Amino acid sequence: MPTSHLSLIQEIDLLWEPVYPYLARQIVELYGRQDGNILEIGPFCGVIFSLERMKIGHSFLIATFPTGMGPFFRKETERRNAVGRIEVIETDPSLKGLDKERFDLVIFRGAFFFPSLFQVDFSAIDRVLSKNGMAFVGGGFGKDTPERVIQEIGKRSRDLNLQIGKVEVEEEALQQEIGEGGVKGTWKILSEGGLWVVIRKD
């Protein structure tokens, strides 16, 4: 991936910092637990920092890709005084190196909208998700982010997203993709505040 793309992704991650607490609130409401191993994957991580501050979960891992994002998130853990509590590894969309059924909550933001960067591997998410675990996969500001926050970052966020290849995704196409993607648990699509898939592993 071009270095310029990496820097744009990193700018997006920093730009969205005001959104993370509100997205975390929505995820916690759906998750319904305060314990568990929490995993955030991909290039657009950040919600995990809010969850850790909220004392939701007892272990925290960022598994980032594409190659080159690891140093950025390690610096972020330092900046947020989370070294030793939030681990960072580099992986790929197949989640290479992650143990089977290890994680109770999996978060994957920006999942469907950047096909030039990566493809979502639903079978990999299913593999690492523990029984009775939940995955929150998709993109958007979420249902709880105030309009003032969206207004403040919306234009710059759109510009950056387009520069790194964001595409629009229709709900019908997403349903088909999930159906063909090897999701074994139950799932539903949430369209309020973006386009999200909530997967629960039985």
C-alpha atoms as a PDB file:
ATOM      1  CA  MET A   1       0.000   0.000   0.000  1.00  0.00           C
ATOM      2  CA  PRO A   2       1.304   3.513  -0.782  1.00  0.00           C
ATOM      3  CA  THR A   3       2.677   5.364   2.230  1.00  0.00           C
ATOM      4  CA  SER A   4       0.310   8.210   1.370  1.00  0.00           C
ATOM      5  CA  HIS A   5      -2.674   5.884   1.895  1.00  0.00           C
ATOM      6  CA  LEU A   6      -1.342   4.824   5.284  1.00  0.00           C
ATOM      7  CA  SER A   7      -1.032   8.445   6.369  1.00  0.00           C
ATOM      8  CA  LEU A   8      -4.595   9.181   5.181  1.00  0.00           C
ATOM      9  CA  ILE A   9      -5.953   6.206   7.152  1.00  0.00           C
ATOM     10  CA  GLN A  10      -4.080   7.380  10.221  1.00  0.00           C
ATOM     11  CA  GLU A  11      -5.543  10.863   9.820  1.00  0.00           C
ATOM     12  CA  ILE A  12      -9.027   9.349   9.666  1.00  0.00           C
ATOM     13  CA  ASP A  13      -8.397   7.334  12.836  1.00  0.00           C
ATOM     14  CA  LEU A  14      -7.328  10.474  14.703  1.00  0.00           C
ATOM     15  CA  LEU A  15     -10.144  12.569  13.219  1.00  0.00           C
ATOM     16  CA  TRP A  16     -12.723  10.078  14.507  1.00  0.00           C
ATOM     17  CA  GLU A  17     -11.491  10.218  18.090  1.00  0.00           C
ATOM     18  CA  PRO A  18     -14.579  12.193  19.268  1.00  0.00           C
ATOM     19  CA  VAL A  19     -16.844   9.477  17.791  1.00  0.00           C
ATOM     20  CA  TYR A  20     -15.330   6.471  19.562  1.00  0.00           C
ATOM     21  CA  PRO A  21     -17.024   6.949  22.966  1.00  0.00           C
ATOM     22  CA  TYR A  22     -20.453   7.138  21.306  1.00  0.00           C
ATOM     23  CA  LEU A  23     -19.855   4.088  19.125  1.00  0.00           C
ATOM     24  CA  ALA A  24     -18.583   2.263  22.202  1.00  0.00           C
ATOM     25  CA  ARG A  25     -21.835   3.077  23.989  1.00  0.00           C
ATOM     26  CA  GLN A  26     -23.862   1.500  21.169  1.00  0.00           C
ATOM     27  CA  ILE A  27     -21.649  -1.580  21.103  1.00  0.00           C
ATOM     28  CA  VAL A  28     -21.891  -2.061  24.881  1.00  0.00           C
ATOM     29  CA  GLU A  29     -25.682  -1.818  24.676  1.00  0.00           C
ATOM     30  CA  LEU A  30     -25.712  -4.630  22.110  1.00  0.00           C
ATOM     31  CA  TYR A  31     -22.984  -6.672  23.817  1.00  0.00           C
ATOM     32  CA  GLY A  32     -24.749  -6.668  27.178  1.00  0.00           C
ATOM     33  CA  ARG A  33     -21.654  -7.694  29.124  1.00  0.00           C
ATOM     34  CA  GLN A  34     -18.793  -6.069  30.980  1.00  0.00           C
ATOM     35  CA  ASP A  35     -16.280  -8.920  30.731  1.00  0.00           C
ATOM     36  CA  GLY A  36     -14.647 -10.810  27.892  1.00  0.00           C
ATOM     37  CA  ASN A  37     -11.740 -10.724  25.462  1.00  0.00           C
ATOM     38  CA  ILE A  38     -12.126  -7.800  23.055  1.00  0.00           C
ATOM     39  CA  LEU A  39     -10.647  -7.630  19.552  1.00  0.00           C
ATOM     40  CA  GLU A  40     -10.669  -4.725  17.112  1.00  0.00           C
ATOM     41  CA  ILE A  41      -9.473  -5.502  13.607  1.00  0.00           C
ATOM     42  CA  GLY A  42      -8.504  -3.677  10.420  1.00  0.00           C
ATOM     43  CA  PRO A  43      -7.049  -0.234   9.759  1.00  0.00           C
ATOM     44  CA  PHE A  44      -9.827   1.828  11.370  1.00  0.00           C
ATOM     45  CA  CYS A  45      -9.373   0.982  15.045  1.00  0.00           C
ATOM     46  CA  GLY A  46     -10.019   3.238  18.015  1.00  0.00           C
ATOM     47  CA  VAL A  47     -13.267   2.180  19.706  1.00  0.00           C
ATOM     48  CA  ILE A  48     -11.279  -0.312  21.789  1.00  0.00           C
ATOM     49  CA  PHE A  49      -9.605   2.578  23.630  1.00  0.00           C
ATOM     50  CA  SER A  50     -13.009   3.831  24.775  1.00  0.00           C
ATOM     51  CA  LEU A  51     -14.127   0.343  25.825  1.00  0.00           C
ATOM     52  CA  GLU A  52     -10.969  -0.127  27.883  1.00  0.00           C
ATOM     53  CA  ARG A  53     -11.529   3.229  29.613  1.00  0.00           C
ATOM     54  CA  MET A  54     -15.135   2.212  30.315  1.00  0.00           C
ATOM     55  CA  LYS A  55     -13.814  -1.003  31.909  1.00  0.00           C
ATOM     56  CA  ILE A  56     -15.686  -3.160  29.424  1.00  0.00           C
ATOM     57  CA  GLY A  57     -13.689  -6.358  28.872  1.00  0.00           C
ATOM     58  CA  HIS A  58     -10.654  -7.829  30.569  1.00  0.00           C
ATOM     59  CA  SER A  59      -8.255  -8.244  27.627  1.00  0.00           C
ATOM     60  CA  PHE A  60      -7.787  -6.016  24.603  1.00  0.00           C
ATOM     61  CA  LEU A  61      -6.136  -6.664  21.247  1.00  0.00           C
ATOM     62  CA  ILE A  62      -5.812  -4.574  18.091  1.00  0.00           C
ATOM     63  CA  ALA A  63      -5.130  -6.820  15.097  1.00  0.00           C
ATOM     64  CA  THR A  64      -4.435  -4.354  12.330  1.00  0.00           C
ATOM     65  CA  PHE A  65      -3.851  -4.452   8.600  1.00  0.00           C
ATOM     66  CA  PRO A  66      -2.711  -3.487   5.970  1.00  0.00           C
ATOM     67  CA  THR A  67       0.987  -3.815   6.701  1.00  0.00           C
ATOM     68  CA  GLY A  68       2.424  -0.702   8.246  1.00  0.00           C
ATOM     69  CA  MET A  69      -0.425   0.202  10.603  1.00  0.00           C
ATOM     70  CA  GLY A  70       1.119  -1.558  13.619  1.00  0.00           C
ATOM     71  CA  PRO A  71       3.594   1.195  14.591  1.00  0.00           C
ATOM     72  CA  PHE A  72       0.829   3.805  14.445  1.00  0.00           C
ATOM     73  CA  PHE A  73      -1.403   1.921  16.879  1.00  0.00           C
ATOM     74  CA  ARG A  74       1.506   1.167  19.198  1.00  0.00           C
ATOM     75  CA  LYS A  75       2.136   4.916  19.359  1.00  0.00           C
ATOM     76  CA  GLU A  76      -1.567   5.420  20.043  1.00  0.00           C
ATOM     77  CA  THR A  77      -1.444   3.036  23.012  1.00  0.00           C
ATOM     78  CA  GLU A  78       1.496   5.061  24.334  1.00  0.00           C
ATOM     79  CA  ARG A  79      -0.317   8.371  23.812  1.00  0.00           C
ATOM     80  CA  ARG A  80      -3.353   7.047  25.653  1.00  0.00           C
ATOM     81  CA  ASN A  81      -1.316   5.477  28.479  1.00  0.00           C
ATOM     82  CA  ALA A  82      -2.638   2.034  27.551  1.00  0.00           C
ATOM     83  CA  VAL A  83       0.675   0.206  27.042  1.00  0.00           C
ATOM     84  CA  GLY A  84       0.500  -3.187  28.737  1.00  0.00           C
ATOM     85  CA  ARG A  85      -3.294  -3.189  28.656  1.00  0.00           C
ATOM     86  CA  ILE A  86      -3.990  -2.989  24.906  1.00  0.00           C
ATOM     87  CA  GLU A  87      -1.830  -5.244  22.736  1.00  0.00           C
ATOM     88  CA  VAL A  88      -1.179  -4.482  19.047  1.00  0.00           C
ATOM     89  CA  ILE A  89      -0.292  -7.012  16.350  1.00  0.00           C
ATOM     90  CA  GLU A  90      -0.237  -6.883  12.555  1.00  0.00           C
ATOM     91  CA  THR A  91      -2.250  -9.512  10.708  1.00  0.00           C
ATOM     92  CA  ASP A  92      -4.319  -9.728   7.503  1.00  0.00           C
ATOM     93  CA  PRO A  93      -8.020 -10.182   6.637  1.00  0.00           C
ATOM     94  CA  SER A  94      -7.705 -13.942   7.332  1.00  0.00           C
ATOM     95  CA  LEU A  95      -6.750 -12.972  10.915  1.00  0.00           C
ATOM     96  CA  LYS A  96      -3.615 -15.054  10.694  1.00  0.00           C
ATOM     97  CA  GLY A  97      -2.079 -15.755  14.084  1.00  0.00           C
ATOM     98  CA  LEU A  98      -5.277 -15.375  16.107  1.00  0.00           C
ATOM     99  CA  ASP A  99      -6.557 -18.340  18.099  1.00  0.00           C
ATOM    100  CA  LYS A 100      -9.847 -20.058  17.374  1.00  0.00           C
ATOM    101  CA  GLU A 101     -12.826 -18.981  19.512  1.00  0.00           C
ATOM    102  CA  ARG A 102     -10.683 -16.623  21.589  1.00  0.00           C
ATOM    103  CA  PHE A 103     -12.690 -13.383  21.466  1.00  0.00           C
ATOM    104  CA  ASP A 104     -16.042 -12.515  23.002  1.00  0.00           C
ATOM    105  CA  LEU A 105     -16.423  -9.186  21.202  1.00  0.00           C
ATOM    106  CA  VAL A 106     -15.021  -8.446  17.746  1.00  0.00           C
ATOM    107  CA  ILE A 107     -15.208  -4.956  16.207  1.00  0.00           C
ATOM    108  CA  PHE A 108     -14.421  -4.258  12.560  1.00  0.00           C
ATOM    109  CA  ARG A 109     -15.088  -0.689  11.413  1.00  0.00           C
ATOM    110  CA  GLY A 110     -14.942   0.348   7.765  1.00  0.00           C
ATOM    111  CA  ALA A 111     -15.386  -3.291   6.864  1.00  0.00           C
ATOM    112  CA  PHE A 112     -17.396  -3.212   3.624  1.00  0.00           C
ATOM    113  CA  PHE A 113     -16.456   0.091   2.070  1.00  0.00           C
ATOM    114  CA  PHE A 114     -12.830  -0.271   0.969  1.00  0.00           C
ATOM    115  CA  PRO A 115     -12.584  -3.264  -1.403  1.00  0.00           C
ATOM    116  CA  SER A 116      -9.375  -1.870  -2.918  1.00  0.00           C
ATOM    117  CA  LEU A 117      -7.698  -2.200   0.498  1.00  0.00           C
ATOM    118  CA  PHE A 118      -9.096  -5.535   1.746  1.00  0.00           C
ATOM    119  CA  GLN A 119     -11.983  -7.980   1.560  1.00  0.00           C
ATOM    120  CA  VAL A 120     -13.946  -8.970   4.657  1.00  0.00           C
ATOM    121  CA  ASP A 121     -13.346 -12.615   5.593  1.00  0.00           C
ATOM    122  CA  PHE A 122     -16.487 -13.606   7.469  1.00  0.00           C
ATOM    123  CA  SER A 123     -15.196 -17.143   8.016  1.00  0.00           C
ATOM    124  CA  ALA A 124     -12.150 -15.695   9.819  1.00  0.00           C
ATOM    125  CA  ILE A 125     -14.370 -13.590  12.075  1.00  0.00           C
ATOM    126  CA  ASP A 126     -16.478 -16.666  12.804  1.00  0.00           C
ATOM    127  CA  ARG A 127     -13.328 -18.673  13.583  1.00  0.00           C
ATOM    128  CA  VAL A 128     -11.944 -16.281  16.210  1.00  0.00           C
ATOM    129  CA  LEU A 129     -15.327 -15.472  17.788  1.00  0.00           C
ATOM    130  CA  SER A 130     -16.061 -17.439  20.952  1.00  0.00           C
ATOM    131  CA  LYS A 131     -19.328 -19.235  21.563  1.00  0.00           C
ATOM    132  CA  ASN A 132     -21.955 -16.719  22.695  1.00  0.00           C
ATOM    133  CA  GLY A 133     -19.674 -13.983  21.356  1.00  0.00           C
ATOM    134  CA  MET A 134     -20.696 -10.963  19.279  1.00  0.00           C
ATOM    135  CA  ALA A 135     -19.151  -9.222  16.280  1.00  0.00           C
ATOM    136  CA  PHE A 136     -19.975  -5.629  15.298  1.00  0.00           C
ATOM    137  CA  VAL A 137     -18.940  -5.182  11.679  1.00  0.00           C
ATOM    138  CA  GLY A 138     -19.579  -2.304   9.284  1.00  0.00           C
ATOM    139  CA  GLY A 139     -19.246   1.435   9.219  1.00  0.00           C
ATOM    140  CA  GLY A 140     -20.812   4.753  10.060  1.00  0.00           C
ATOM    141  CA  PHE A 141     -21.106   7.163  12.963  1.00  0.00           C
ATOM    142  CA  GLY A 142     -23.455   4.907  14.914  1.00  0.00           C
ATOM    143  CA  LYS A 143     -26.823   5.833  16.357  1.00  0.00           C
ATOM    144  CA  ASP A 144     -25.571   7.725  19.430  1.00  0.00           C
ATOM    145  CA  THR A 145     -23.045  10.171  17.957  1.00  0.00           C
ATOM    146  CA  PRO A 146     -24.376  13.743  18.293  1.00  0.00           C
ATOM    147  CA  GLU A 147     -25.032  15.729  15.150  1.00  0.00           C
ATOM    148  CA  ARG A 148     -22.547  18.413  16.274  1.00  0.00           C
ATOM    149  CA  VAL A 149     -19.722  15.833  16.285  1.00  0.00           C
ATOM    150  CA  ILE A 150     -20.740  14.572  12.847  1.00  0.00           C
ATOM    151  CA  GLN A 151     -20.851  18.137  11.506  1.00  0.00           C
ATOM    152  CA  GLU A 152     -17.394  18.924  12.860  1.00  0.00           C
ATOM    153  CA  ILE A 153     -15.623  16.041  11.117  1.00  0.00           C
ATOM    154  CA  GLY A 154     -18.026  14.994   8.356  1.00  0.00           C
ATOM    155  CA  LYS A 155     -16.581  16.859   5.389  1.00  0.00           C
ATOM    156  CA  ARG A 156     -12.951  16.037   6.096  1.00  0.00           C
ATOM    157  CA  SER A 157     -13.868  12.425   6.802  1.00  0.00           C
ATOM    158  CA  ARG A 158     -15.703  12.131   3.458  1.00  0.00           C
ATOM    159  CA  ASP A 159     -12.755  13.640   1.578  1.00  0.00           C
ATOM    160  CA  LEU A 160     -10.244  11.295   3.191  1.00  0.00           C
ATOM    161  CA  ASN A 161     -12.450   8.250   2.675  1.00  0.00           C
ATOM    162  CA  LEU A 162     -12.847   9.012  -1.028  1.00  0.00           C
ATOM    163  CA  GLN A 163      -9.086   9.463  -1.398  1.00  0.00           C
ATOM    164  CA  ILE A 164      -8.475   5.944  -0.092  1.00  0.00           C
ATOM    165  CA  GLY A 165     -11.191   4.411  -2.260  1.00  0.00           C
ATOM    166  CA  LYS A 166     -14.425   4.313  -0.298  1.00  0.00           C
ATOM    167  CA  VAL A 167     -17.410   2.906  -2.195  1.00  0.00           C
ATOM    168  CA  GLU A 168     -21.122   2.938  -1.417  1.00  0.00           C
ATOM    169  CA  VAL A 169     -22.668  -0.344  -0.287  1.00  0.00           C
ATOM    170  CA  GLU A 170     -26.337  -1.257  -0.638  1.00  0.00           C
ATOM    171  CA  GLU A 171     -28.033  -3.283   2.080  1.00  0.00           C
ATOM    172  CA  GLU A 172     -29.226  -5.914  -0.407  1.00  0.00           C
ATOM    173  CA  ALA A 173     -25.693  -6.476  -1.699  1.00  0.00           C
ATOM    174  CA  LEU A 174     -24.465  -6.777   1.874  1.00  0.00           C
ATOM    175  CA  GLN A 175     -27.098  -9.395   2.669  1.00  0.00           C
ATOM    176  CA  GLN A 176     -25.891 -11.447  -0.275  1.00  0.00           C
ATOM    177  CA  GLU A 177     -22.247 -11.035   0.750  1.00  0.00           C
ATOM    178  CA  ILE A 178     -22.996 -12.248   4.278  1.00  0.00           C
ATOM    179  CA  GLY A 179     -25.033 -15.160   2.965  1.00  0.00           C
ATOM    180  CA  GLU A 180     -22.109 -16.281   0.841  1.00  0.00           C
ATOM    181  CA  GLY A 181     -19.492 -15.457   3.465  1.00  0.00           C
ATOM    182  CA  GLY A 182     -19.632 -18.416   5.812  1.00  0.00           C
ATOM    183  CA  VAL A 183     -21.365 -16.772   8.779  1.00  0.00           C
ATOM    184  CA  LYS A 184     -22.594 -19.648  10.911  1.00  0.00           C
ATOM    185  CA  GLY A 185     -24.208 -17.718  13.747  1.00  0.00           C
ATOM    186  CA  THR A 186     -27.250 -15.493  13.719  1.00  0.00           C
ATOM    187  CA  TRP A 187     -26.897 -12.033  12.231  1.00  0.00           C
ATOM    188  CA  LYS A 188     -28.874  -8.893  11.542  1.00  0.00           C
ATOM    189  CA  ILE A 189     -28.203  -5.655   9.697  1.00  0.00           C
ATOM    190  CA  LEU A 190     -28.540  -2.313  11.461  1.00  0.00           C
ATOM    191  CA  SER A 191     -29.005   0.674   9.159  1.00  0.00           C
ATOM    192  CA  GLU A 192     -29.408   3.382  11.800  1.00  0.00           C
ATOM    193  CA  GLY A 193     -26.221   5.419  12.039  1.00  0.00           C
ATOM    194  CA  GLY A 194     -24.475   3.646   9.177  1.00  0.00           C
ATOM    195  CA  LEU A 195     -24.516   0.093   7.872  1.00  0.00           C
ATOM    196  CA  TRP A 196     -23.599  -2.504  10.475  1.00  0.00           C
ATOM    197  CA  VAL A 197     -23.877  -6.248  10.848  1.00  0.00           C
ATOM    198  CA  VAL A 198     -24.265  -7.733  14.316  1.00  0.00           C
ATOM    199  CA  ILE A 199     -23.203 -11.379  14.373  1.00  0.00           C
ATOM    200  CA  ARG A 200     -23.861 -13.603  17.365  1.00  0.00           C
ATOM    201  CA  LYS A 201     -22.197 -16.991  17.569  1.00  0.00           C
ATOM    202  CA  ASP A 202     -24.439 -19.661  19.059  1.00  0.00           C
END
